[in-house]
Protein backbone atom coordinates (compact mmCIF):
# COMPACT_ATOMS: atom_id res chain seq x y z
CA MET A 1 -33.39 37.54 51.88
CA GLU A 2 -31.73 35.24 49.66
CA ALA A 3 -30.26 31.61 51.43
CA PRO A 4 -26.62 31.58 51.69
CA CYS A 5 -24.90 30.09 48.77
CA SER A 6 -22.34 27.31 49.71
CA SER A 7 -19.94 28.46 46.63
CA PRO A 8 -18.81 31.90 45.68
CA GLU A 9 -20.66 33.11 42.52
CA LYS A 10 -18.61 32.62 39.12
CA GLN A 11 -17.82 35.79 37.07
CA LEU A 12 -18.97 35.06 33.58
CA GLU A 13 -18.76 38.53 32.08
CA SER A 14 -17.74 42.31 33.20
CA ASP A 15 -17.78 45.42 32.08
CA ARG A 16 -20.14 45.46 29.09
CA ARG A 17 -20.75 48.82 28.02
CA TYR A 18 -23.79 50.40 25.94
CA ILE A 19 -24.91 54.13 25.39
CA SER A 20 -28.77 54.34 24.24
CA ILE A 21 -29.56 57.88 22.39
CA THR A 22 -33.43 58.62 21.85
CA TYR A 23 -34.98 61.95 20.97
CA THR A 24 -34.99 63.14 24.37
CA ASP A 25 -32.62 61.42 26.30
CA THR A 26 -29.11 59.85 26.31
CA THR A 27 -28.10 56.42 28.92
CA PHE A 28 -25.35 54.91 29.74
CA GLU A 29 -25.27 51.52 30.74
CA SER A 30 -22.51 49.32 32.19
CA PHE A 31 -23.06 45.59 33.81
CA GLY A 32 -21.35 42.24 34.46
CA ARG A 33 -23.12 39.11 34.89
CA THR A 34 -22.42 36.03 37.19
CA ASP A 35 -23.73 32.67 37.33
CA ARG A 36 -26.25 33.87 39.81
CA ALA A 37 -26.81 37.61 38.79
CA ILE A 38 -26.45 40.43 36.48
CA THR A 39 -25.18 43.88 37.96
CA ARG A 40 -24.46 47.40 37.32
CA VAL A 41 -25.74 50.82 36.66
CA LEU A 42 -27.83 52.79 33.94
CA VAL A 43 -26.88 56.49 33.90
CA GLU A 44 -29.15 59.02 32.09
CA ARG A 45 -27.87 62.41 30.77
CA SER A 46 -30.11 64.14 33.34
CA GLY A 47 -27.77 62.73 36.09
CA ASP A 48 -30.06 60.18 37.63
CA SER A 49 -28.89 56.81 38.15
CA VAL A 50 -30.64 53.30 38.73
CA ARG A 51 -28.30 50.53 40.02
CA PHE A 52 -29.66 47.07 39.82
CA ARG A 53 -29.29 43.43 40.52
CA ILE A 54 -31.07 40.85 38.54
CA HIS A 55 -31.22 37.85 40.51
CA THR A 56 -31.11 34.91 38.08
CA THR A 57 -31.40 30.97 38.24
CA PRO A 58 -29.63 28.38 35.90
CA GLU A 59 -32.86 27.99 34.02
CA ALA A 60 -32.21 31.94 32.74
CA LEU A 61 -35.29 32.69 35.19
CA VAL A 62 -35.45 35.75 37.51
CA SER A 63 -36.48 35.37 41.06
CA MET A 64 -36.26 38.99 42.72
CA LEU A 65 -35.06 42.22 41.20
CA ASP A 66 -33.13 44.94 43.45
CA ILE A 67 -33.20 48.45 42.02
CA THR A 68 -31.96 51.58 43.61
CA LEU A 69 -32.82 55.16 42.03
CA HIS A 70 -29.89 57.59 42.67
CA PRO A 71 -31.74 61.21 41.84
CA ALA A 72 -29.25 63.72 40.39
CA SER A 73 -27.64 65.21 43.22
CA ASP A 74 -28.60 69.06 42.37
CA ARG A 75 -32.20 67.74 43.27
CA GLY A 76 -31.43 66.86 46.76
CA GLU A 77 -33.33 63.78 47.14
CA ARG A 78 -32.44 60.55 48.66
CA PRO A 79 -31.92 57.45 47.16
CA ARG A 80 -34.79 55.03 46.60
CA THR A 81 -34.39 51.17 46.61
CA ARG A 82 -36.87 48.61 46.09
CA ARG A 83 -36.80 44.93 45.92
CA ILE A 84 -39.24 43.51 43.45
CA GLY A 85 -40.25 39.75 43.95
CA MET A 86 -40.82 38.21 40.54
CA PRO A 87 -43.96 36.05 39.48
CA LYS A 88 -42.92 32.73 38.52
CA GLY A 89 -42.04 32.31 35.07
CA THR A 90 -41.94 35.82 34.35
CA LEU A 91 -38.78 37.98 33.50
CA PRO A 92 -38.27 41.74 34.69
CA VAL A 93 -38.17 44.24 31.49
CA MET A 94 -36.51 48.01 32.06
CA ALA A 95 -36.96 50.47 29.32
CA THR A 96 -34.28 49.49 26.50
CA SER A 97 -31.60 48.03 29.03
CA VAL A 98 -29.53 45.47 27.05
CA ALA A 99 -28.87 43.29 30.33
CA PHE A 100 -32.84 43.02 30.85
CA LEU A 101 -33.38 42.28 27.14
CA GLU A 102 -30.38 39.58 27.02
CA GLN A 103 -31.99 37.78 29.86
CA LEU A 104 -34.93 37.28 27.83
CA LEU A 105 -32.92 35.98 24.99
CA ARG A 106 -30.96 33.54 27.50
CA ARG A 107 -34.65 32.36 28.89
CA ALA A 108 -35.74 31.91 25.32
CA HIS A 109 -32.61 29.83 24.54
CA VAL A 110 -33.39 27.63 27.53
CA VAL A 111 -36.83 26.97 26.68
CA GLY A 112 -35.78 26.38 22.90
CA GLY A 113 -37.57 26.64 19.66
CA ASP A 114 -37.70 29.51 17.22
CA SER A 115 -40.20 31.23 18.80
CA VAL A 116 -40.90 31.40 22.27
CA SER A 117 -43.40 33.45 24.14
CA ILE A 118 -41.86 34.64 27.73
CA PRO A 119 -44.14 36.82 30.69
CA VAL A 120 -42.33 40.06 31.26
CA MET A 121 -42.93 42.51 33.88
CA LEU A 122 -42.40 45.95 32.56
CA VAL A 123 -40.43 47.50 35.58
CA GLY A 124 -41.23 51.51 36.43
CA ALA A 125 -43.22 53.89 38.27
CA GLN A 126 -45.93 51.97 35.94
CA ALA A 127 -45.07 48.53 36.21
CA SER A 128 -47.31 46.26 34.11
CA LEU A 129 -47.51 42.24 32.95
CA ASP A 130 -47.06 41.44 29.08
CA VAL A 131 -45.80 38.90 27.33
CA PHE A 132 -43.41 39.44 24.75
CA THR A 133 -42.38 36.53 21.72
CA VAL A 134 -38.76 36.15 20.81
CA ILE A 135 -38.40 34.88 17.28
CA ARG A 136 -35.03 33.38 15.92
CA ASN A 137 -34.18 34.53 12.61
CA GLY A 138 -31.13 32.40 11.66
CA SER A 139 -28.42 32.02 14.02
CA ASP A 140 -27.47 35.76 14.19
CA SER A 141 -30.72 37.46 14.98
CA VAL A 142 -33.59 37.82 16.58
CA MET A 143 -36.72 39.71 16.83
CA LEU A 144 -38.57 40.79 20.00
CA VAL A 145 -42.54 41.31 19.54
CA GLY A 146 -44.88 42.61 21.82
CA PRO A 147 -48.36 41.20 22.75
CA ASP A 148 -50.00 43.52 20.52
CA TRP A 149 -48.14 42.00 17.37
CA ASN A 150 -47.65 45.41 15.93
CA LEU A 151 -44.76 45.17 13.48
CA THR A 152 -43.71 48.87 14.12
CA ASN A 153 -43.12 48.14 17.74
CA VAL A 154 -40.54 44.63 16.87
CA LEU A 155 -36.96 45.03 18.35
CA HIS A 156 -34.64 43.95 16.10
CA PHE A 157 -31.21 42.84 17.36
CA ALA A 158 -28.11 40.79 15.80
CA VAL A 159 -26.81 38.52 18.26
CA ASP A 160 -23.48 36.62 18.97
CA GLN A 161 -23.02 32.84 19.44
CA GLN A 162 -23.71 33.42 22.96
CA GLY A 163 -26.83 35.45 22.55
CA ARG A 164 -25.10 38.83 23.49
CA ILE A 165 -26.73 41.86 21.48
CA LEU A 166 -24.52 43.06 18.90
CA GLY A 167 -26.55 45.81 17.75
CA GLY A 168 -29.98 46.25 16.16
CA ARG A 169 -32.91 48.66 15.59
CA ILE A 170 -36.20 49.95 16.99
CA PRO A 171 -38.41 51.14 14.18
CA ILE A 172 -40.97 52.66 16.28
CA SER A 173 -38.34 55.36 17.85
CA GLY A 174 -35.97 55.24 15.16
CA THR A 175 -33.26 53.99 17.49
CA ARG A 176 -30.19 51.93 15.95
CA THR A 177 -27.84 50.00 17.76
CA GLN A 178 -24.45 49.74 16.38
CA HIS A 179 -21.51 47.73 17.66
CA ARG A 180 -18.46 50.02 18.28
CA GLY A 181 -14.72 48.27 18.09
CA ASP A 182 -13.58 49.16 21.40
CA GLY A 183 -16.19 46.49 22.75
CA GLU A 184 -19.09 49.09 23.60
CA VAL A 185 -22.35 48.72 21.80
CA MET A 186 -23.83 52.01 20.85
CA VAL A 187 -27.59 52.47 20.42
CA ALA A 188 -28.55 55.74 18.38
CA SER A 189 -31.59 57.37 16.57
């Protein structure tokens, strides 16, 4: 359980929306960010949803992650909640969630430099530890390279001055991101 804070959380962003379209699924993501957490939900076309709270620190690290899986109501399953403590200096990554990926970019910014390696925990049924490298490509572009340095798996993102993902592509899956004028970012393949 977290220690009580002496001041209320300061809202930094709210209701950022994304849609991810892959060969087999569509996922809608909505999230907001305070000075202490990133909170919101991922909803799959199947009806399953994942609510999450990423507990962040001023150094852009993550102390813990709360996840609740809400299975589609037609399956009659109960929600499952997990609290995951993060190993020191390790950041969580969940599929292609923009909220999680942007936290990696925030941490790389705090560490500084054009190429920053960050330990990550891939969260899911088969959790694993890896290292991703964030490589700045000018002021408005970043690449996220996996531990195998396989360039077909590199995630390419356009970012704004605050490090928010505006769009990009994932070559291995053919997934592309595109900023929509209504404030949403659409991820499509």
